[in-house]
Structure formats: structure tokens, C-alpha cells
Amino acid sequence: MLGLSVTQAAEVLGVSHAMLYDLLNERACLSPQLAWRIETAFGPKAEHLLQMQLAYDIAEVRCSEGGIRMMH
């Protein structure tokens, strides 16, 4: 997309290679601080990035918590 390696992007964002690698490989969640850094460096709004993280987190819970019964 931008032609950056993970190492280069991590340097631009001021985070470790390991942190960014974990985020990109779904081993870590996006924090508000990192969302802000991405917005500052690359442009996408932090709010939008965090909404996507929340949607992903909710989808994960829905898949893993199928055994909960609804109360009527």
C-alpha cells in the first residue's frame, strides 16, 4: 500500500517492530494511542480505526460466546 516494511512503519509510528507485527497478525488489539499515531502519520481517523477494532472484538465475542441463553 505505502511500500513500507513493518520495520519502517514501526519507526514512523515510534513503536517497536514486535508491537506492530503483533497488531498486524491479530495477536494484539489496536490501542487509542496507536490509533492516534496512525492518524498522525498516515491519515486515517483514529475514531474510524477504533470503530473497526471494536467491530472485530464484538464479532470475536459473538463467535466464541454462542452458548449464552437470552433472558426473556
N, C-alpha and C. Protein backbone atom coordinates (compact mmCIF):
# COMPACT_ATOMS: atom_id res chain seq x y z
N MET A 1 0.83 -1.19 0.00
CA MET A 1 0.00 0.00 0.00
C MET A 1 0.87 1.25 0.00
N LEU A 2 1.60 1.46 1.07
CA LEU A 2 2.51 2.61 1.12
C LEU A 2 3.94 2.23 0.78
N GLY A 3 4.17 0.95 0.57
CA GLY A 3 5.50 0.49 0.24
C GLY A 3 6.46 0.44 1.42
N LEU A 4 5.92 0.42 2.64
CA LEU A 4 6.76 0.37 3.83
C LEU A 4 6.83 -1.05 4.38
N SER A 5 7.97 -1.39 4.90
CA SER A 5 8.08 -2.65 5.63
C SER A 5 7.51 -2.43 7.03
N VAL A 6 7.29 -3.51 7.75
CA VAL A 6 6.81 -3.40 9.13
C VAL A 6 7.81 -2.61 9.95
N THR A 7 9.08 -2.85 9.75
CA THR A 7 10.11 -2.14 10.49
C THR A 7 10.07 -0.65 10.19
N GLN A 8 9.92 -0.29 8.92
CA GLN A 8 9.86 1.13 8.55
C GLN A 8 8.61 1.79 9.13
N ALA A 9 7.48 1.12 9.04
CA ALA A 9 6.24 1.68 9.58
C ALA A 9 6.34 1.85 11.09
N ALA A 10 6.93 0.87 11.77
CA ALA A 10 7.11 0.96 13.22
C ALA A 10 7.98 2.16 13.58
N GLU A 11 9.02 2.40 12.81
CA GLU A 11 9.88 3.56 13.06
C GLU A 11 9.11 4.86 12.89
N VAL A 12 8.30 4.96 11.83
CA VAL A 12 7.50 6.16 11.61
C VAL A 12 6.53 6.37 12.77
N LEU A 13 5.94 5.29 13.26
CA LEU A 13 4.95 5.38 14.34
C LEU A 13 5.58 5.52 15.72
N GLY A 14 6.86 5.25 15.83
CA GLY A 14 7.52 5.34 17.12
C GLY A 14 7.18 4.19 18.05
N VAL A 15 6.95 3.00 17.46
CA VAL A 15 6.66 1.80 18.24
C VAL A 15 7.64 0.71 17.84
N SER A 16 7.65 -0.36 18.62
CA SER A 16 8.57 -1.45 18.29
C SER A 16 8.04 -2.26 17.11
N HIS A 17 8.96 -2.87 16.42
CA HIS A 17 8.62 -3.78 15.32
C HIS A 17 7.69 -4.87 15.84
N ALA A 18 8.02 -5.42 17.01
CA ALA A 18 7.21 -6.51 17.58
C ALA A 18 5.78 -6.08 17.85
N MET A 19 5.59 -4.85 18.36
CA MET A 19 4.24 -4.36 18.64
C MET A 19 3.42 -4.27 17.36
N LEU A 20 3.99 -3.68 16.33
CA LEU A 20 3.27 -3.53 15.08
C LEU A 20 3.04 -4.88 14.41
N TYR A 21 4.02 -5.74 14.45
CA TYR A 21 3.88 -7.09 13.88
C TYR A 21 2.73 -7.84 14.56
N ASP A 22 2.66 -7.76 15.90
CA ASP A 22 1.58 -8.42 16.64
C ASP A 22 0.22 -7.86 16.26
N LEU A 23 0.12 -6.56 16.10
CA LEU A 23 -1.14 -5.94 15.69
C LEU A 23 -1.54 -6.43 14.30
N LEU A 24 -0.62 -6.41 13.38
CA LEU A 24 -0.92 -6.81 12.01
C LEU A 24 -1.27 -8.29 11.88
N ASN A 25 -0.81 -9.10 12.82
CA ASN A 25 -1.06 -10.53 12.78
C ASN A 25 -2.12 -10.97 13.81
N GLU A 26 -2.95 -10.01 14.23
CA GLU A 26 -4.09 -10.25 15.12
C GLU A 26 -3.69 -10.88 16.45
N ARG A 27 -2.51 -10.54 16.93
CA ARG A 27 -2.05 -11.01 18.24
C ARG A 27 -2.17 -9.92 19.28
N ALA A 28 -2.54 -8.71 18.86
CA ALA A 28 -2.70 -7.57 19.76
C ALA A 28 -3.84 -6.71 19.24
N CYS A 29 -4.46 -5.97 20.14
CA CYS A 29 -5.55 -5.06 19.77
C CYS A 29 -5.00 -3.66 19.57
N LEU A 30 -5.69 -2.91 18.75
CA LEU A 30 -5.33 -1.52 18.50
C LEU A 30 -5.68 -0.68 19.72
N SER A 31 -4.72 0.06 20.22
CA SER A 31 -4.96 0.96 21.36
C SER A 31 -5.31 2.35 20.84
N PRO A 32 -5.97 3.16 21.67
CA PRO A 32 -6.24 4.54 21.25
C PRO A 32 -4.95 5.31 20.93
N GLN A 33 -3.89 5.07 21.69
CA GLN A 33 -2.62 5.76 21.45
C GLN A 33 -2.05 5.40 20.08
N LEU A 34 -2.06 4.11 19.74
CA LEU A 34 -1.53 3.71 18.44
C LEU A 34 -2.45 4.20 17.31
N ALA A 35 -3.76 4.19 17.54
CA ALA A 35 -4.69 4.72 16.53
C ALA A 35 -4.38 6.18 16.25
N TRP A 36 -4.10 6.95 17.30
CA TRP A 36 -3.76 8.36 17.11
C TRP A 36 -2.45 8.50 16.35
N ARG A 37 -1.47 7.66 16.67
CA ARG A 37 -0.19 7.71 15.95
C ARG A 37 -0.38 7.40 14.47
N ILE A 38 -1.23 6.41 14.16
CA ILE A 38 -1.51 6.07 12.76
C ILE A 38 -2.19 7.23 12.05
N GLU A 39 -3.15 7.86 12.74
CA GLU A 39 -3.82 9.03 12.15
C GLU A 39 -2.81 10.13 11.84
N THR A 40 -1.95 10.42 12.80
CA THR A 40 -0.97 11.49 12.64
C THR A 40 0.00 11.19 11.50
N ALA A 41 0.45 9.95 11.41
CA ALA A 41 1.45 9.59 10.41
C ALA A 41 0.88 9.33 9.02
N PHE A 42 -0.30 8.69 8.97
CA PHE A 42 -0.79 8.18 7.68
C PHE A 42 -2.16 8.70 7.25
N GLY A 43 -2.92 9.31 8.17
CA GLY A 43 -4.16 9.94 7.74
C GLY A 43 -5.48 9.35 8.17
N PRO A 44 -5.66 8.02 8.23
CA PRO A 44 -6.98 7.52 8.60
C PRO A 44 -7.34 7.96 10.02
N LYS A 45 -8.57 8.37 10.21
CA LYS A 45 -9.01 8.89 11.51
C LYS A 45 -8.93 7.82 12.59
N ALA A 46 -8.42 8.22 13.76
CA ALA A 46 -8.29 7.30 14.89
C ALA A 46 -9.64 6.72 15.28
N GLU A 47 -10.69 7.53 15.23
CA GLU A 47 -12.03 7.07 15.60
C GLU A 47 -12.48 5.93 14.69
N HIS A 48 -12.21 6.07 13.41
CA HIS A 48 -12.60 5.03 12.45
C HIS A 48 -11.82 3.75 12.71
N LEU A 49 -10.53 3.88 12.95
CA LEU A 49 -9.71 2.71 13.24
C LEU A 49 -10.19 2.00 14.50
N LEU A 50 -10.54 2.77 15.53
CA LEU A 50 -11.01 2.17 16.78
C LEU A 50 -12.40 1.56 16.62
N GLN A 51 -13.24 2.13 15.77
CA GLN A 51 -14.55 1.52 15.48
C GLN A 51 -14.36 0.18 14.79
N MET A 52 -13.38 0.08 13.90
CA MET A 52 -13.11 -1.20 13.24
C MET A 52 -12.59 -2.21 14.26
N GLN A 53 -11.74 -1.78 15.19
CA GLN A 53 -11.25 -2.68 16.23
C GLN A 53 -12.40 -3.18 17.09
N LEU A 54 -13.30 -2.27 17.47
CA LEU A 54 -14.45 -2.65 18.29
C LEU A 54 -15.35 -3.64 17.55
N ALA A 55 -15.62 -3.40 16.27
CA ALA A 55 -16.44 -4.31 15.48
C ALA A 55 -15.79 -5.70 15.42
N TYR A 56 -14.48 -5.73 15.26
CA TYR A 56 -13.76 -7.00 15.23
C TYR A 56 -13.87 -7.71 16.58
N ASP A 57 -13.66 -6.96 17.66
CA ASP A 57 -13.74 -7.53 19.01
C ASP A 57 -15.13 -8.11 19.29
N ILE A 58 -16.18 -7.39 18.90
CA ILE A 58 -17.55 -7.87 19.11
C ILE A 58 -17.81 -9.12 18.29
N ALA A 59 -17.34 -9.16 17.05
CA ALA A 59 -17.51 -10.34 16.21
C ALA A 59 -16.81 -11.55 16.84
N GLU A 60 -15.63 -11.34 17.39
CA GLU A 60 -14.90 -12.42 18.07
C GLU A 60 -15.70 -12.95 19.25
N VAL A 61 -16.28 -12.06 20.04
CA VAL A 61 -17.07 -12.48 21.20
C VAL A 61 -18.30 -13.24 20.74
N ARG A 62 -18.97 -12.75 19.72
CA ARG A 62 -20.17 -13.44 19.23
C ARG A 62 -19.85 -14.86 18.77
N CYS A 63 -18.72 -15.04 18.16
CA CYS A 63 -18.33 -16.37 17.70
C CYS A 63 -17.99 -17.30 18.85
N SER A 64 -17.37 -16.76 19.88
CA SER A 64 -16.90 -17.61 20.97
C SER A 64 -17.89 -17.77 22.11
N GLU A 65 -18.90 -16.93 22.17
CA GLU A 65 -19.86 -16.98 23.29
C GLU A 65 -21.25 -17.45 22.84
N GLY A 66 -21.31 -18.34 21.91
CA GLY A 66 -22.59 -18.81 21.39
C GLY A 66 -23.46 -19.54 22.40
N GLY A 67 -22.89 -19.96 23.52
CA GLY A 67 -23.65 -20.74 24.49
C GLY A 67 -24.48 -19.94 25.48
N ILE A 68 -24.47 -18.62 25.41
CA ILE A 68 -25.23 -17.81 26.35
C ILE A 68 -26.70 -17.80 25.95
N ARG A 69 -27.57 -18.05 26.93
CA ARG A 69 -29.02 -18.05 26.67
C ARG A 69 -29.57 -16.66 26.90
N MET A 70 -30.52 -16.27 26.07
CA MET A 70 -31.20 -14.99 26.22
C MET A 70 -32.24 -15.08 27.34
N MET A 71 -32.35 -14.05 28.15
CA MET A 71 -33.38 -13.96 29.20
C MET A 71 -34.59 -13.25 28.61
N HIS A 72 -35.76 -13.79 28.86
CA HIS A 72 -36.98 -13.16 28.32
C HIS A 72 -37.76 -12.49 29.39
